[in-house]
Amino acid sequence: MGATAQATVSRSDATRRNEVNAQIATEERTGPAGRSLSSEKARRIVEAMRRSVARRGTAGSTFDQVSREAGVSRGLLHYYFGTKEQLLVEAVRRDCELRMEMLERQLARAQSADDFIDLMAENLQRTVREDPDFVTLVFELFSLSRRNADIASEYAELMRGTREQVARMLDVGQREGILRLHADPEAVAEILFSLADGFALRMLAEPERDFTATVDAGIACARALLTD
């Protein structure tokens, strides 16, 4: 791993998450009913839904349970989100925003393609190791999107937004001479997400397995897309 990457990833993941969380907390956000989601109660509801879905799944996460965990009335969940499906969308959206902000900050410090690739690989492994709930949350939303047209639209928009954001990071890296992309930035971003999604699913399915060789092979694939 490059020296710049090592210096970057040495910072606590929780510290970076809290920094970006505080930034997002000051921004005005609205839910599906046009309600502001910037209040402390709305954020507590989203966090409670995140924890509940990771433990019980979407079907088992009722408004009664989530409201108790968040310490708010059941009516507030309806007020802000309308349905638990929309609440799940908001939980995933908020997590994606946090992670994209943190990734962008990290990659801005990359001085070489190796730094860039090492940081992305480390982010994936740390997420699976320290925050598997996020992976569960995304797959829960995907499963729900296959049966609900409205959620399918929301999910597609989330995927499109994160893909375009990473594509912009890749484009910046190429223009700064750090990367040499071998395909359109958005196509490369799609491949990187596909690799990450597959790795995350398999790592969670076989937690005792040593994935070192597999990750190394994935890094070689990424290097073929990002460098000479």
C-alpha atoms as a PDB file:
ATOM      1  CA  MET A   1       0.000   0.000   0.000  1.00  0.00           C
ATOM      2  CA  GLY A   2       1.344   3.486  -0.892  1.00  0.00           C
ATOM      3  CA  ALA A   3       2.517   5.853   1.852  1.00  0.00           C
ATOM      4  CA  THR A   4      -0.252   8.349   1.131  1.00  0.00           C
ATOM      5  CA  ALA A   5      -2.888   5.625   1.325  1.00  0.00           C
ATOM      6  CA  GLN A   6      -1.480   4.356   4.625  1.00  0.00           C
ATOM      7  CA  ALA A   7      -1.575   7.818   6.151  1.00  0.00           C
ATOM      8  CA  THR A   8      -5.141   8.316   5.017  1.00  0.00           C
ATOM      9  CA  VAL A   9      -6.634   5.030   6.141  1.00  0.00           C
ATOM     10  CA  SER A  10      -4.940   5.229   9.535  1.00  0.00           C
ATOM     11  CA  ARG A  11      -7.605   7.695  10.680  1.00  0.00           C
ATOM     12  CA  SER A  12     -10.572   6.203  12.509  1.00  0.00           C
ATOM     13  CA  ASP A  13     -13.493   5.309  10.222  1.00  0.00           C
ATOM     14  CA  ALA A  14     -15.840   6.450  12.975  1.00  0.00           C
ATOM     15  CA  THR A  15     -14.087   9.831  13.137  1.00  0.00           C
ATOM     16  CA  ARG A  16     -14.441  10.388   9.402  1.00  0.00           C
ATOM     17  CA  ARG A  17     -18.073   9.255   9.518  1.00  0.00           C
ATOM     18  CA  ASN A  18     -18.833  11.653  12.378  1.00  0.00           C
ATOM     19  CA  GLU A  19     -17.197  14.553  10.545  1.00  0.00           C
ATOM     20  CA  VAL A  20     -19.288  14.068   7.429  1.00  0.00           C
ATOM     21  CA  ASN A  21     -22.385  13.237   9.485  1.00  0.00           C
ATOM     22  CA  ALA A  22     -22.077  16.602  11.195  1.00  0.00           C
ATOM     23  CA  GLN A  23     -21.722  18.339   7.831  1.00  0.00           C
ATOM     24  CA  ILE A  24     -24.811  16.646   6.390  1.00  0.00           C
ATOM     25  CA  ALA A  25     -26.725  17.433   9.566  1.00  0.00           C
ATOM     26  CA  THR A  26     -26.392  21.159   8.805  1.00  0.00           C
ATOM     27  CA  GLU A  27     -27.745  20.793   5.273  1.00  0.00           C
ATOM     28  CA  GLU A  28     -31.450  21.129   4.531  1.00  0.00           C
ATOM     29  CA  ARG A  29     -32.941  17.827   3.388  1.00  0.00           C
ATOM     30  CA  THR A  30     -36.528  16.908   2.677  1.00  0.00           C
ATOM     31  CA  GLY A  31     -38.328  13.587   2.780  1.00  0.00           C
ATOM     32  CA  PRO A  32     -40.937  12.175   0.379  1.00  0.00           C
ATOM     33  CA  ALA A  33     -43.650  14.348   1.934  1.00  0.00           C
ATOM     34  CA  GLY A  34     -41.525  17.491   1.614  1.00  0.00           C
ATOM     35  CA  ARG A  35     -40.716  17.500   5.340  1.00  0.00           C
ATOM     36  CA  SER A  36     -37.293  18.678   6.455  1.00  0.00           C
ATOM     37  CA  LEU A  37     -35.057  15.773   7.507  1.00  0.00           C
ATOM     38  CA  SER A  38     -32.445  18.012   9.116  1.00  0.00           C
ATOM     39  CA  SER A  39     -33.914  17.702  12.606  1.00  0.00           C
ATOM     40  CA  GLU A  40     -32.276  15.579  15.270  1.00  0.00           C
ATOM     41  CA  LYS A  41     -35.413  13.423  15.582  1.00  0.00           C
ATOM     42  CA  ALA A  42     -35.471  12.640  11.858  1.00  0.00           C
ATOM     43  CA  ARG A  43     -31.824  11.564  12.014  1.00  0.00           C
ATOM     44  CA  ARG A  44     -32.545   9.337  15.022  1.00  0.00           C
ATOM     45  CA  ILE A  45     -35.379   7.684  13.100  1.00  0.00           C
ATOM     46  CA  VAL A  46     -33.104   6.979  10.114  1.00  0.00           C
ATOM     47  CA  GLU A  47     -30.404   5.476  12.350  1.00  0.00           C
ATOM     48  CA  ALA A  48     -32.974   3.323  14.179  1.00  0.00           C
ATOM     49  CA  MET A  49     -34.318   2.025  10.866  1.00  0.00           C
ATOM     50  CA  ARG A  50     -30.794   1.220   9.736  1.00  0.00           C
ATOM     51  CA  ARG A  51     -30.133  -0.872  12.847  1.00  0.00           C
ATOM     52  CA  SER A  52     -33.525  -2.572  12.725  1.00  0.00           C
ATOM     53  CA  VAL A  53     -33.277  -3.624   9.066  1.00  0.00           C
ATOM     54  CA  ALA A  54     -29.796  -5.034   9.642  1.00  0.00           C
ATOM     55  CA  ARG A  55     -31.137  -7.200  12.483  1.00  0.00           C
ATOM     56  CA  ARG A  56     -34.679  -8.029  11.363  1.00  0.00           C
ATOM     57  CA  GLY A  57     -34.923  -7.246   7.653  1.00  0.00           C
ATOM     58  CA  THR A  58     -37.432  -4.875   6.089  1.00  0.00           C
ATOM     59  CA  ALA A  59     -40.449  -7.095   6.742  1.00  0.00           C
ATOM     60  CA  GLY A  60     -39.635  -7.361  10.444  1.00  0.00           C
ATOM     61  CA  SER A  61     -38.952  -3.639  10.920  1.00  0.00           C
ATOM     62  CA  THR A  62     -42.291  -2.138  11.909  1.00  0.00           C
ATOM     63  CA  PHE A  63     -42.940   1.513  12.638  1.00  0.00           C
ATOM     64  CA  ASP A  64     -43.722   0.560  16.249  1.00  0.00           C
ATOM     65  CA  GLN A  65     -40.286  -1.032  16.695  1.00  0.00           C
ATOM     66  CA  VAL A  66     -38.397   1.720  14.926  1.00  0.00           C
ATOM     67  CA  SER A  67     -40.195   4.496  16.796  1.00  0.00           C
ATOM     68  CA  ARG A  68     -39.370   2.836  20.142  1.00  0.00           C
ATOM     69  CA  GLU A  69     -35.703   2.509  19.227  1.00  0.00           C
ATOM     70  CA  ALA A  70     -35.573   6.110  18.031  1.00  0.00           C
ATOM     71  CA  GLY A  71     -37.394   7.359  21.130  1.00  0.00           C
ATOM     72  CA  VAL A  72     -40.094   9.168  19.138  1.00  0.00           C
ATOM     73  CA  SER A  73     -43.795   8.731  18.506  1.00  0.00           C
ATOM     74  CA  ARG A  74     -45.001   6.434  15.727  1.00  0.00           C
ATOM     75  CA  GLY A  75     -46.760   9.393  14.137  1.00  0.00           C
ATOM     76  CA  LEU A  76     -43.444  11.142  13.506  1.00  0.00           C
ATOM     77  CA  LEU A  77     -42.336   8.297  11.225  1.00  0.00           C
ATOM     78  CA  HIS A  78     -45.467   8.777   9.126  1.00  0.00           C
ATOM     79  CA  TYR A  79     -44.973  12.553   9.218  1.00  0.00           C
ATOM     80  CA  TYR A  80     -41.411  12.456   7.887  1.00  0.00           C
ATOM     81  CA  PHE A  81     -41.409   9.375   5.642  1.00  0.00           C
ATOM     82  CA  GLY A  82     -44.924   8.119   4.982  1.00  0.00           C
ATOM     83  CA  THR A  83     -43.985   4.426   4.675  1.00  0.00           C
ATOM     84  CA  LYS A  84     -41.238   2.196   6.032  1.00  0.00           C
ATOM     85  CA  GLU A  85     -40.104   1.557   2.458  1.00  0.00           C
ATOM     86  CA  GLN A  86     -39.415   5.271   2.002  1.00  0.00           C
ATOM     87  CA  LEU A  87     -37.670   5.295   5.366  1.00  0.00           C
ATOM     88  CA  LEU A  88     -35.397   2.480   4.145  1.00  0.00           C
ATOM     89  CA  VAL A  89     -34.625   4.492   0.995  1.00  0.00           C
ATOM     90  CA  GLU A  90     -33.642   7.461   3.145  1.00  0.00           C
ATOM     91  CA  ALA A  91     -31.435   5.288   5.378  1.00  0.00           C
ATOM     92  CA  VAL A  92     -29.533   3.958   2.354  1.00  0.00           C
ATOM     93  CA  ARG A  93     -29.342   7.402   0.735  1.00  0.00           C
ATOM     94  CA  ARG A  94     -27.895   8.923   3.884  1.00  0.00           C
ATOM     95  CA  ASP A  95     -25.298   6.154   4.198  1.00  0.00           C
ATOM     96  CA  CYS A  96     -24.317   6.541   0.542  1.00  0.00           C
ATOM     97  CA  GLU A  97     -23.853  10.280   0.984  1.00  0.00           C
ATOM     98  CA  LEU A  98     -21.644   9.746   4.023  1.00  0.00           C
ATOM     99  CA  ARG A  99     -19.514   7.176   2.241  1.00  0.00           C
ATOM    100  CA  MET A 100     -19.153   9.155  -0.967  1.00  0.00           C
ATOM    101  CA  GLU A 101     -18.106  12.248   0.982  1.00  0.00           C
ATOM    102  CA  MET A 102     -15.481  10.260   2.903  1.00  0.00           C
ATOM    103  CA  LEU A 103     -14.214   8.533  -0.244  1.00  0.00           C
ATOM    104  CA  GLU A 104     -13.900  11.827  -2.099  1.00  0.00           C
ATOM    105  CA  ARG A 105     -11.893  13.340   0.745  1.00  0.00           C
ATOM    106  CA  GLN A 106      -9.579  10.340   0.811  1.00  0.00           C
ATOM    107  CA  LEU A 107      -9.055  10.136  -2.936  1.00  0.00           C
ATOM    108  CA  ALA A 108      -8.294  13.857  -3.104  1.00  0.00           C
ATOM    109  CA  ARG A 109      -5.061  13.032  -1.231  1.00  0.00           C
ATOM    110  CA  ALA A 110      -4.000  10.231  -3.601  1.00  0.00           C
ATOM    111  CA  GLN A 111      -0.701  10.937  -5.303  1.00  0.00           C
ATOM    112  CA  SER A 112      -0.572   7.873  -7.544  1.00  0.00           C
ATOM    113  CA  ALA A 113      -2.770   5.236  -9.127  1.00  0.00           C
ATOM    114  CA  ASP A 114      -1.592   2.774  -6.461  1.00  0.00           C
ATOM    115  CA  ASP A 115      -2.793   5.155  -3.736  1.00  0.00           C
ATOM    116  CA  PHE A 116      -6.133   5.468  -5.517  1.00  0.00           C
ATOM    117  CA  ILE A 117      -6.601   1.702  -5.875  1.00  0.00           C
ATOM    118  CA  ASP A 118      -5.350   0.889  -2.365  1.00  0.00           C
ATOM    119  CA  LEU A 119      -7.775   3.376  -0.834  1.00  0.00           C
ATOM    120  CA  MET A 120     -10.758   1.905  -2.660  1.00  0.00           C
ATOM    121  CA  ALA A 121      -9.745  -1.644  -1.694  1.00  0.00           C
ATOM    122  CA  GLU A 122      -9.232  -0.647   1.933  1.00  0.00           C
ATOM    123  CA  ASN A 123     -12.613   1.102   2.031  1.00  0.00           C
ATOM    124  CA  LEU A 124     -14.340  -2.059   0.805  1.00  0.00           C
ATOM    125  CA  GLN A 125     -12.604  -4.342   3.281  1.00  0.00           C
ATOM    126  CA  ARG A 126     -13.159  -1.959   6.195  1.00  0.00           C
ATOM    127  CA  THR A 127     -16.866  -1.636   5.354  1.00  0.00           C
ATOM    128  CA  VAL A 128     -17.349  -5.417   5.318  1.00  0.00           C
ATOM    129  CA  ARG A 129     -15.285  -5.822   8.479  1.00  0.00           C
ATOM    130  CA  GLU A 130     -16.578  -2.902  10.560  1.00  0.00           C
ATOM    131  CA  ASP A 131     -19.975  -2.004   9.108  1.00  0.00           C
ATOM    132  CA  PRO A 132     -21.596  -5.052   7.486  1.00  0.00           C
ATOM    133  CA  ASP A 133     -24.999  -3.532   8.312  1.00  0.00           C
ATOM    134  CA  PHE A 134     -24.525  -1.110   5.416  1.00  0.00           C
ATOM    135  CA  VAL A 135     -24.077  -3.967   2.946  1.00  0.00           C
ATOM    136  CA  THR A 136     -27.182  -5.672   4.348  1.00  0.00           C
ATOM    137  CA  LEU A 137     -29.119  -2.420   4.018  1.00  0.00           C
ATOM    138  CA  VAL A 138     -28.234  -1.997   0.335  1.00  0.00           C
ATOM    139  CA  PHE A 139     -29.136  -5.588  -0.540  1.00  0.00           C
ATOM    140  CA  GLU A 140     -32.420  -5.260   1.385  1.00  0.00           C
ATOM    141  CA  LEU A 141     -33.284  -2.198  -0.668  1.00  0.00           C
ATOM    142  CA  PHE A 142     -32.372  -3.993  -3.896  1.00  0.00           C
ATOM    143  CA  SER A 143     -34.631  -6.943  -2.978  1.00  0.00           C
ATOM    144  CA  LEU A 144     -37.475  -4.577  -2.175  1.00  0.00           C
ATOM    145  CA  SER A 145     -36.973  -2.716  -5.467  1.00  0.00           C
ATOM    146  CA  ARG A 146     -37.706  -5.909  -7.409  1.00  0.00           C
ATOM    147  CA  ARG A 147     -41.267  -5.915  -6.030  1.00  0.00           C
ATOM    148  CA  ASN A 148     -42.049  -2.203  -5.734  1.00  0.00           C
ATOM    149  CA  ALA A 149     -41.956   0.105  -8.767  1.00  0.00           C
ATOM    150  CA  ASP A 150     -41.624   3.294  -6.708  1.00  0.00           C
ATOM    151  CA  ILE A 151     -38.710   1.893  -4.719  1.00  0.00           C
ATOM    152  CA  ALA A 152     -37.161   0.570  -7.942  1.00  0.00           C
ATOM    153  CA  SER A 153     -37.079   4.127  -9.250  1.00  0.00           C
ATOM    154  CA  GLU A 154     -35.538   5.429  -6.013  1.00  0.00           C
ATOM    155  CA  TYR A 155     -32.949   2.644  -5.984  1.00  0.00           C
ATOM    156  CA  ALA A 156     -31.972   3.254  -9.598  1.00  0.00           C
ATOM    157  CA  GLU A 157     -31.537   6.951  -8.842  1.00  0.00           C
ATOM    158  CA  LEU A 158     -29.267   6.145  -5.885  1.00  0.00           C
ATOM    159  CA  MET A 159     -27.149   3.818  -8.021  1.00  0.00           C
ATOM    160  CA  ARG A 160     -26.975   6.390 -10.807  1.00  0.00           C
ATOM    161  CA  GLY A 161     -25.937   9.135  -8.400  1.00  0.00           C
ATOM    162  CA  THR A 162     -23.122   7.164  -6.764  1.00  0.00           C
ATOM    163  CA  ARG A 163     -21.886   5.893 -10.135  1.00  0.00           C
ATOM    164  CA  GLU A 164     -21.740   9.418 -11.546  1.00  0.00           C
ATOM    165  CA  GLN A 165     -19.993  10.729  -8.444  1.00  0.00           C
ATOM    166  CA  VAL A 166     -17.256   8.095  -8.614  1.00  0.00           C
ATOM    167  CA  ALA A 167     -16.979   8.688 -12.375  1.00  0.00           C
ATOM    168  CA  ARG A 168     -16.280  12.363 -11.647  1.00  0.00           C
ATOM    169  CA  MET A 169     -13.548  11.371  -9.174  1.00  0.00           C
ATOM    170  CA  LEU A 170     -11.993   9.115 -11.796  1.00  0.00           C
ATOM    171  CA  ASP A 171     -12.162  11.866 -14.402  1.00  0.00           C
ATOM    172  CA  VAL A 172     -10.447  14.302 -12.052  1.00  0.00           C
ATOM    173  CA  GLY A 173      -7.736  11.716 -11.356  1.00  0.00           C
ATOM    174  CA  GLN A 174      -7.152  11.290 -15.072  1.00  0.00           C
ATOM    175  CA  ARG A 175      -7.025  15.020 -15.782  1.00  0.00           C
ATOM    176  CA  GLU A 176      -4.498  15.439 -12.952  1.00  0.00           C
ATOM    177  CA  GLY A 177      -2.308  12.719 -14.443  1.00  0.00           C
ATOM    178  CA  ILE A 178      -2.788  10.279 -11.555  1.00  0.00           C
ATOM    179  CA  LEU A 179      -4.848   7.766 -13.549  1.00  0.00           C
ATOM    180  CA  ARG A 180      -4.972   6.582 -17.141  1.00  0.00           C
ATOM    181  CA  LEU A 181      -8.441   5.186 -17.730  1.00  0.00           C
ATOM    182  CA  HIS A 182      -8.934   2.495 -20.352  1.00  0.00           C
ATOM    183  CA  ALA A 183     -12.664   3.183 -20.771  1.00  0.00           C
ATOM    184  CA  ASP A 184     -15.197   5.945 -20.183  1.00  0.00           C
ATOM    185  CA  PRO A 185     -15.115   7.086 -16.510  1.00  0.00           C
ATOM    186  CA  GLU A 186     -18.717   6.040 -15.905  1.00  0.00           C
ATOM    187  CA  ALA A 187     -18.099   2.591 -17.390  1.00  0.00           C
ATOM    188  CA  VAL A 188     -15.029   2.146 -15.186  1.00  0.00           C
ATOM    189  CA  ALA A 189     -17.024   3.255 -12.133  1.00  0.00           C
ATOM    190  CA  GLU A 190     -19.700   0.669 -12.962  1.00  0.00           C
ATOM    191  CA  ILE A 191     -17.103  -2.107 -13.132  1.00  0.00           C
ATOM    192  CA  LEU A 192     -15.566  -1.029  -9.813  1.00  0.00           C
ATOM    193  CA  PHE A 193     -18.981  -1.048  -8.131  1.00  0.00           C
ATOM    194  CA  SER A 194     -19.737  -4.461  -9.616  1.00  0.00           C
ATOM    195  CA  LEU A 195     -16.490  -5.855  -8.226  1.00  0.00           C
ATOM    196  CA  ALA A 196     -17.162  -4.303  -4.818  1.00  0.00           C
ATOM    197  CA  ASP A 197     -20.748  -5.572  -4.632  1.00  0.00           C
ATOM    198  CA  GLY A 198     -19.658  -9.097  -5.503  1.00  0.00           C
ATOM    199  CA  PHE A 199     -16.784  -9.058  -3.030  1.00  0.00           C
ATOM    200  CA  ALA A 200     -19.005  -7.737  -0.228  1.00  0.00           C
ATOM    201  CA  LEU A 201     -21.644 -10.411  -0.781  1.00  0.00           C
ATOM    202  CA  ARG A 202     -19.109 -13.241  -0.790  1.00  0.00           C
ATOM    203  CA  MET A 203     -17.123 -11.910   2.163  1.00  0.00           C
ATOM    204  CA  LEU A 204     -20.257 -11.730   4.284  1.00  0.00           C
ATOM    205  CA  ALA A 205     -21.361 -15.195   3.161  1.00  0.00           C
ATOM    206  CA  GLU A 206     -18.014 -16.757   4.171  1.00  0.00           C
ATOM    207  CA  PRO A 207     -16.695 -14.618   7.045  1.00  0.00           C
ATOM    208  CA  GLU A 208     -14.071 -17.177   8.119  1.00  0.00           C
ATOM    209  CA  ARG A 209     -12.479 -17.454   4.677  1.00  0.00           C
ATOM    210  CA  ASP A 210      -9.230 -15.663   3.880  1.00  0.00           C
ATOM    211  CA  PHE A 211      -9.976 -13.387   0.908  1.00  0.00           C
ATOM    212  CA  THR A 212      -6.462 -11.954   0.577  1.00  0.00           C
ATOM    213  CA  ALA A 213      -5.722 -13.637  -2.755  1.00  0.00           C
ATOM    214  CA  THR A 214      -9.163 -12.731  -4.080  1.00  0.00           C
ATOM    215  CA  VAL A 215      -8.738  -9.073  -3.137  1.00  0.00           C
ATOM    216  CA  ASP A 216      -5.286  -9.051  -4.755  1.00  0.00           C
ATOM    217  CA  ALA A 217      -6.847 -10.396  -7.967  1.00  0.00           C
ATOM    218  CA  GLY A 218      -9.502  -7.684  -7.799  1.00  0.00           C
ATOM    219  CA  ILE A 219      -6.818  -5.038  -7.356  1.00  0.00           C
ATOM    220  CA  ALA A 220      -5.072  -6.378 -10.456  1.00  0.00           C
ATOM    221  CA  CYS A 221      -8.349  -6.023 -12.383  1.00  0.00           C
ATOM    222  CA  ALA A 222      -8.748  -2.435 -11.164  1.00  0.00           C
ATOM    223  CA  ARG A 223      -5.163  -1.625 -12.061  1.00  0.00           C
ATOM    224  CA  ALA A 224      -5.770  -2.854 -15.622  1.00  0.00           C
ATOM    225  CA  LEU A 225      -8.602  -0.314 -15.934  1.00  0.00           C
ATOM    226  CA  LEU A 226      -6.892   2.612 -14.199  1.00  0.00           C
ATOM    227  CA  THR A 227      -3.208   2.479 -15.187  1.00  0.00           C
ATOM    228  CA  ASP A 228      -0.893   1.665 -18.078  1.00  0.00           C
END
